Amino acid sequence: MGEFSKESCPSVKNILLLDSEGKRVAVKYFSDDWSSNASKLAFEKSVFTKTLKTNARSEAEITLFDGYIVVYKFIQDLHFFVTAGDDENELIIANVLQGFSDSVGLLLRGDVEKRTALENLDLILLCIDEIVDGGIILETDANTIAGKVATNAVDGSAPFSEQTISQALATAREHLARSLLK
């Protein structure tokens, strides 16, 4: 097998999910290009401001901003962004964005809006983790991503009210076992 290097893989710098005012809903940075929280917030604000006047509702838009490729799409009151270096392939980055927005749509059962996104923030963050790890793109197929996230969520982290009886009993057994082992 040939040599594998991180530089040979397409990668992203960050994935941003902002609301209609440019405030954070879910963000994850995979690069040290923004060293402080203040620089991250400034980047988010400037990207949001630059893209606000565009109509990226039906299809993803691509722009070059501050030496980065930014691919973005708006759904309801949520703004999805994926940022990569200017040497990355725009089509691959657009595919990451499409996978992210579609899998969020599947996980939120089509109710893609800020309130629902905040209520299911754990699923969205798991979704980002399934798509990208350390900046390297792992998966872009929305059905695969949503399936993995939904499977992880059923493993006992779902509230009792949303579990089946057998899942609730398994979770209760697990908690009891943990408390006895302490």
Protein backbone atom coordinates (compact mmCIF):
# COMPACT_ATOMS: atom_id res chain seq x y z
CA MET A 1 0.00 0.00 0.00
CA GLY A 2 1.27 3.50 -0.82
CA GLU A 3 2.29 6.11 1.69
CA PHE A 4 -0.48 7.90 3.47
CA SER A 5 -0.05 11.45 4.61
CA LYS A 6 -2.49 13.88 6.17
CA GLU A 7 -1.59 16.40 3.46
CA SER A 8 -2.87 14.09 0.71
CA CYS A 9 -6.39 13.93 2.18
CA PRO A 10 -8.99 16.61 1.62
CA SER A 11 -9.57 18.46 4.87
CA VAL A 12 -11.69 21.19 6.38
CA LYS A 13 -10.80 23.98 8.79
CA ASN A 14 -14.17 24.26 10.53
CA ILE A 15 -17.86 23.47 10.39
CA LEU A 16 -20.20 26.21 11.54
CA LEU A 17 -23.91 26.21 12.23
CA LEU A 18 -25.11 29.74 12.98
CA ASP A 19 -28.56 31.19 13.52
CA SER A 20 -30.19 33.95 11.47
CA GLU A 21 -28.40 36.60 13.57
CA GLY A 22 -24.96 35.05 13.14
CA LYS A 23 -24.82 33.58 16.64
CA ARG A 24 -23.40 30.11 17.31
CA VAL A 25 -25.66 27.09 17.37
CA ALA A 26 -22.94 24.45 16.86
CA VAL A 27 -19.35 25.02 15.74
CA LYS A 28 -16.26 22.87 15.56
CA TYR A 29 -12.78 24.01 14.56
CA PHE A 30 -10.17 21.57 13.24
CA SER A 31 -7.35 24.06 12.68
CA ASP A 32 -5.12 26.33 14.72
CA ASP A 33 -5.66 29.16 12.21
CA TRP A 34 -7.88 30.81 14.82
CA SER A 35 -5.96 30.59 18.08
CA SER A 36 -8.37 32.33 20.44
CA ASN A 37 -12.09 32.25 20.99
CA ALA A 38 -12.22 35.96 20.09
CA SER A 39 -10.62 35.29 16.68
CA LYS A 40 -13.09 32.43 16.07
CA LEU A 41 -16.04 34.67 16.93
CA ALA A 42 -14.67 37.44 14.69
CA PHE A 43 -14.28 34.97 11.80
CA GLU A 44 -17.84 33.69 12.28
CA LYS A 45 -19.23 37.24 12.36
CA SER A 46 -17.34 38.33 9.23
CA VAL A 47 -18.30 35.18 7.26
CA PHE A 48 -21.92 35.60 8.32
CA THR A 49 -21.92 39.29 7.33
CA LYS A 50 -20.34 38.56 3.94
CA THR A 51 -22.83 35.83 3.06
CA LEU A 52 -25.96 37.41 4.55
CA LYS A 53 -27.10 39.15 1.36
CA THR A 54 -26.80 36.02 -0.81
CA ASN A 55 -29.60 33.63 -1.60
CA ALA A 56 -28.13 30.25 -0.64
CA ARG A 57 -31.47 28.61 0.12
CA SER A 58 -31.91 26.13 -2.72
CA GLU A 59 -28.28 25.34 -3.54
CA ALA A 60 -24.96 25.70 -1.76
CA GLU A 61 -22.89 28.77 -2.57
CA ILE A 62 -19.11 28.96 -2.67
CA THR A 63 -16.99 32.00 -1.89
CA LEU A 64 -13.33 32.78 -1.30
CA PHE A 65 -12.98 34.67 1.97
CA ASP A 66 -9.75 35.70 3.75
CA GLY A 67 -7.79 33.04 1.86
CA TYR A 68 -10.30 30.27 2.70
CA ILE A 69 -12.91 28.50 0.65
CA VAL A 70 -16.27 28.86 2.39
CA VAL A 71 -19.20 26.75 1.20
CA TYR A 72 -22.53 27.65 2.75
CA LYS A 73 -26.24 27.01 2.65
CA PHE A 74 -29.24 28.43 4.51
CA ILE A 75 -32.17 26.33 5.71
CA GLN A 76 -34.98 28.13 7.54
CA ASP A 77 -33.25 30.22 10.24
CA LEU A 78 -30.02 28.16 10.24
CA HIS A 79 -26.87 28.95 8.28
CA PHE A 80 -24.55 26.02 7.51
CA PHE A 81 -20.87 26.73 6.69
CA VAL A 82 -17.87 24.55 5.88
CA THR A 83 -14.47 26.25 5.60
CA ALA A 84 -11.35 24.81 3.95
CA GLY A 85 -7.99 26.00 2.73
CA ASP A 86 -7.92 27.70 -0.68
CA ASP A 87 -6.01 24.70 -2.10
CA GLU A 88 -8.88 22.25 -1.43
CA ASN A 89 -11.36 21.01 -4.02
CA GLU A 90 -14.58 23.05 -3.82
CA LEU A 91 -16.72 20.11 -4.94
CA ILE A 92 -15.48 17.92 -2.08
CA ILE A 93 -16.12 20.72 0.43
CA ALA A 94 -19.59 21.25 -1.07
CA ASN A 95 -20.19 17.52 -0.64
CA VAL A 96 -19.26 17.82 3.06
CA LEU A 97 -21.73 20.69 3.46
CA GLN A 98 -24.47 18.75 1.67
CA GLY A 99 -23.84 15.70 3.87
CA PHE A 100 -23.94 17.86 7.00
CA SER A 101 -27.12 19.77 6.13
CA ASP A 102 -28.93 16.66 4.83
CA SER A 103 -28.01 14.52 7.85
CA VAL A 104 -29.14 17.30 10.22
CA GLY A 105 -32.40 17.40 8.25
CA LEU A 106 -32.83 13.65 8.67
CA LEU A 107 -32.00 13.71 12.39
CA LEU A 108 -34.37 16.63 13.03
CA ARG A 109 -37.05 14.90 10.94
CA GLY A 110 -37.26 17.80 8.50
CA ASP A 111 -37.83 20.40 11.23
CA VAL A 112 -34.58 22.27 10.54
CA GLU A 113 -34.84 25.39 12.66
CA LYS A 114 -32.91 26.91 15.55
CA ARG A 115 -35.21 25.77 18.36
CA THR A 116 -35.19 22.14 17.22
CA ALA A 117 -31.45 22.27 16.57
CA LEU A 118 -30.76 23.51 20.11
CA GLU A 119 -33.03 20.82 21.57
CA ASN A 120 -31.04 18.20 19.64
CA LEU A 121 -27.60 19.78 19.92
CA ASP A 122 -26.06 16.48 21.00
CA LEU A 123 -27.15 14.85 17.73
CA ILE A 124 -25.77 17.73 15.67
CA LEU A 125 -22.39 17.60 17.43
CA LEU A 126 -22.27 13.82 16.96
CA CYS A 127 -23.12 14.43 13.31
CA ILE A 128 -20.12 16.76 12.92
CA ASP A 129 -17.91 14.14 14.61
CA GLU A 130 -19.09 11.47 12.15
CA ILE A 131 -18.34 13.72 9.15
CA VAL A 132 -14.91 15.08 10.11
CA ASP A 133 -12.23 13.93 12.54
CA GLY A 134 -9.30 16.24 13.16
CA GLY A 135 -10.04 18.05 9.90
CA ILE A 136 -9.99 14.85 7.80
CA ILE A 137 -13.24 14.10 5.97
CA LEU A 138 -14.58 10.69 7.00
CA GLU A 139 -18.09 10.53 5.55
CA THR A 140 -20.39 12.65 3.39
CA ASP A 141 -23.40 10.38 2.84
CA ALA A 142 -26.29 11.82 4.88
CA ASN A 143 -28.07 8.48 5.39
CA THR A 144 -24.89 6.83 6.71
CA ILE A 145 -24.11 9.78 9.00
CA ALA A 146 -27.66 9.99 10.39
CA GLY A 147 -27.74 6.20 10.84
CA LYS A 148 -24.52 6.19 12.86
CA VAL A 149 -25.64 9.14 14.98
CA ALA A 150 -29.08 7.62 15.62
CA THR A 151 -27.45 4.32 16.61
CA ASN A 152 -25.12 6.11 19.03
CA ALA A 153 -28.02 8.04 20.53
CA VAL A 154 -30.00 4.85 21.22
CA ASP A 155 -27.08 3.37 23.16
CA GLY A 156 -28.51 4.76 26.40
CA SER A 157 -28.02 8.48 26.04
CA ALA A 158 -31.61 9.13 24.98
CA PRO A 159 -33.95 10.27 27.75
CA PHE A 160 -36.12 7.51 29.27
CA SER A 161 -39.24 9.08 27.76
CA GLU A 162 -37.86 8.52 24.25
CA GLN A 163 -36.64 4.95 24.79
CA THR A 164 -38.47 1.69 24.22
CA ILE A 165 -39.15 -0.40 27.32
CA SER A 166 -36.28 -2.76 26.55
CA GLN A 167 -33.89 0.16 25.99
CA ALA A 168 -35.03 1.78 29.25
CA LEU A 169 -34.53 -1.49 31.16
CA ALA A 170 -31.06 -1.93 29.64
CA THR A 171 -30.15 1.65 30.60
CA ALA A 172 -31.47 1.14 34.14
CA ARG A 173 -29.47 -2.11 34.45
CA GLU A 174 -26.34 -0.32 33.23
CA HIS A 175 -26.81 2.51 35.77
CA LEU A 176 -27.44 0.00 38.57
CA ALA A 177 -24.33 -1.98 37.64
CA ARG A 178 -22.24 1.20 37.59
CA SER A 179 -23.54 2.30 41.00
CA LEU A 180 -22.81 -1.13 42.50
CA LEU A 181 -19.27 -1.12 41.13
CA LYS A 182 -18.41 2.22 42.76
